[in-house]
Each structure stands twice: as structure tokens, then as C-alpha cells.
């Protein structure tokens, strides 16, 4: 009725954990002044854009006050 499944050998996974490479990765290049300035400029531009959109968008998000005069179309006046 029930078939017995064959066990899958996972010994290669255990061996992979013990394997260590003797090759070291190359050292990271140091960031130049121009790259650092460019990254800072991009960051400041993004932050300034977010702040600008917030400043310009706040009046649109505030609850609107009703107009002091009610506007009516010519059709409402009757002809």
C-alpha cells in the first residue's frame, strides 16, 4: 500500500559547510572624493525633492474651506 521512499544522501551539504577556500577576494577600492561628493549630491537632491513635494502638497491635503459665494451656472438661473 505505502511505498518506502529512498533516502536522499545529503552528505554533500555537510561537506560543503566544511569546505574553505584558500583564495582571498581582492581588497575593496577606496571611495574617491568625487564619488563621495556625487553620492552626497544625489542624496541631497532626493531629500530636497521629498521636502519640496511635501511643502507643495500640504495645501492640497488640507481640508478645503467652502467658497464664500455659492457659484451657480446659467442653467440654474432659469431662462
C-alpha atoms as a PDB file:
ATOM      1  CA  UNK A   1       0.000   0.000   0.000  1.00  0.00           C
ATOM      2  CA  UNK A   2       2.594   2.543   1.048  1.00  0.00           C
ATOM      3  CA  UNK A   3       5.844   2.559  -0.848  1.00  0.00           C
ATOM      4  CA  UNK A   4       9.015   3.194   1.008  1.00  0.00           C
ATOM      5  CA  UNK A   5      10.889   6.197  -0.347  1.00  0.00           C
ATOM      6  CA  UNK A   6      14.588   6.020  -0.809  1.00  0.00           C
ATOM      7  CA  UNK A   7      16.560   8.284   1.432  1.00  0.00           C
ATOM      8  CA  UNK A   8      18.397  11.078  -0.296  1.00  0.00           C
ATOM      9  CA  UNK A   9      22.007  11.420   0.755  1.00  0.00           C
ATOM     10  CA  UNK A  10      22.682  14.928   1.986  1.00  0.00           C
ATOM     11  CA  UNK A  11      26.295  14.307   2.869  1.00  0.00           C
ATOM     12  CA  UNK A  12      27.418  16.717   0.152  1.00  0.00           C
ATOM     13  CA  UNK A  13      25.677  19.555   2.019  1.00  0.00           C
ATOM     14  CA  UNK A  14      27.550  18.745   5.206  1.00  0.00           C
ATOM     15  CA  UNK A  15      30.811  18.580   3.280  1.00  0.00           C
ATOM     16  CA  UNK A  16      30.121  21.949   1.666  1.00  0.00           C
ATOM     17  CA  UNK A  17      29.919  23.574   5.108  1.00  0.00           C
ATOM     18  CA  UNK A  18      33.381  22.343   5.992  1.00  0.00           C
ATOM     19  CA  UNK A  19      34.973  23.454   2.710  1.00  0.00           C
ATOM     20  CA  UNK A  20      37.081  26.582   2.991  1.00  0.00           C
ATOM     21  CA  UNK A  21      38.640  28.321   0.061  1.00  0.00           C
ATOM     22  CA  UNK A  22      42.229  29.464   0.188  1.00  0.00           C
ATOM     23  CA  UNK A  23      41.514  32.227  -2.340  1.00  0.00           C
ATOM     24  CA  UNK A  24      41.012  35.623  -0.749  1.00  0.00           C
ATOM     25  CA  UNK A  25      38.870  38.187  -2.542  1.00  0.00           C
ATOM     26  CA  UNK A  26      40.597  41.314  -3.800  1.00  0.00           C
ATOM     27  CA  UNK A  27      40.560  44.303  -1.445  1.00  0.00           C
ATOM     28  CA  UNK A  28      37.798  46.846  -1.939  1.00  0.00           C
ATOM     29  CA  UNK A  29      38.698  50.006  -3.793  1.00  0.00           C
ATOM     30  CA  UNK A  30      38.665  53.126  -1.706  1.00  0.00           C
ATOM     31  CA  UNK A  31      35.974  55.653  -2.474  1.00  0.00           C
ATOM     32  CA  UNK A  32      37.367  58.736  -4.169  1.00  0.00           C
ATOM     33  CA  UNK A  33      36.438  62.262  -3.155  1.00  0.00           C
ATOM     34  CA  UNK A  34      34.481  62.795  -6.376  1.00  0.00           C
ATOM     35  CA  UNK A  35      32.451  59.609  -5.812  1.00  0.00           C
ATOM     36  CA  UNK A  36      31.710  60.636  -2.251  1.00  0.00           C
ATOM     37  CA  UNK A  37      30.654  64.115  -3.386  1.00  0.00           C
ATOM     38  CA  UNK A  38      28.461  62.643  -6.120  1.00  0.00           C
ATOM     39  CA  UNK A  39      26.707  60.286  -3.717  1.00  0.00           C
ATOM     40  CA  UNK A  40      26.144  63.134  -1.276  1.00  0.00           C
ATOM     41  CA  UNK A  41      24.754  65.344  -4.033  1.00  0.00           C
ATOM     42  CA  UNK A  42      22.352  62.640  -5.187  1.00  0.00           C
ATOM     43  CA  UNK A  43      21.206  62.065  -1.596  1.00  0.00           C
ATOM     44  CA  UNK A  44      20.660  65.763  -1.001  1.00  0.00           C
ATOM     45  CA  UNK A  45      18.727  66.056  -4.273  1.00  0.00           C
ATOM     46  CA  UNK A  46      16.405  63.210  -3.296  1.00  0.00           C
ATOM     47  CA  UNK A  47      15.817  64.653   0.178  1.00  0.00           C
ATOM     48  CA  UNK A  48      15.201  68.134  -1.251  1.00  0.00           C
ATOM     49  CA  UNK A  49      12.710  66.697  -3.735  1.00  0.00           C
ATOM     50  CA  UNK A  50      10.804  64.906  -0.993  1.00  0.00           C
ATOM     51  CA  UNK A  51      10.704  68.005   1.188  1.00  0.00           C
ATOM     52  CA  UNK A  52       9.647  70.170  -1.773  1.00  0.00           C
ATOM     53  CA  UNK A  53       6.844  67.830  -2.719  1.00  0.00           C
ATOM     54  CA  UNK A  54       5.689  67.764   0.885  1.00  0.00           C
ATOM     55  CA  UNK A  55       5.660  71.574   1.086  1.00  0.00           C
ATOM     56  CA  UNK A  56       3.816  71.910  -2.215  1.00  0.00           C
ATOM     57  CA  UNK A  57       1.412  69.085  -1.432  1.00  0.00           C
ATOM     58  CA  UNK A  58       0.348  70.131   2.063  1.00  0.00           C
ATOM     59  CA  UNK A  59      -2.065  72.848   0.898  1.00  0.00           C
ATOM     60  CA  UNK A  60      -3.807  70.321  -1.334  1.00  0.00           C
ATOM     61  CA  UNK A  61      -4.162  67.890   1.570  1.00  0.00           C
ATOM     62  CA  UNK A  62      -5.620  70.433   3.983  1.00  0.00           C
ATOM     63  CA  UNK A  63      -9.407  70.446   4.303  1.00  0.00           C
ATOM     64  CA  UNK A  64     -10.916  72.814   1.802  1.00  0.00           C
ATOM     65  CA  UNK A  65     -12.904  75.751   3.085  1.00  0.00           C
ATOM     66  CA  UNK A  66     -16.187  76.357   1.362  1.00  0.00           C
ATOM     67  CA  UNK A  67     -16.323  79.235  -1.096  1.00  0.00           C
ATOM     68  CA  UNK A  68     -17.614  82.483   0.341  1.00  0.00           C
ATOM     69  CA  UNK A  69     -20.086  82.814  -2.513  1.00  0.00           C
ATOM     70  CA  UNK A  70     -22.061  79.979  -3.971  1.00  0.00           C
ATOM     71  CA  UNK A  71     -21.433  79.647  -7.657  1.00  0.00           C
ATOM     72  CA  UNK A  72     -24.362  78.894  -9.887  1.00  0.00           C
ATOM     73  CA  UNK A  73     -24.453  78.149 -13.548  1.00  0.00           C
ATOM     74  CA  UNK A  74     -26.614  79.967 -16.027  1.00  0.00           C
ATOM     75  CA  UNK A  75     -28.918  76.948 -16.205  1.00  0.00           C
ATOM     76  CA  UNK A  76     -29.696  77.302 -12.505  1.00  0.00           C
ATOM     77  CA  UNK A  77     -30.899  80.913 -13.012  1.00  0.00           C
ATOM     78  CA  UNK A  78     -33.559  79.823 -15.469  1.00  0.00           C
ATOM     79  CA  UNK A  79     -34.230  81.481 -18.812  1.00  0.00           C
END
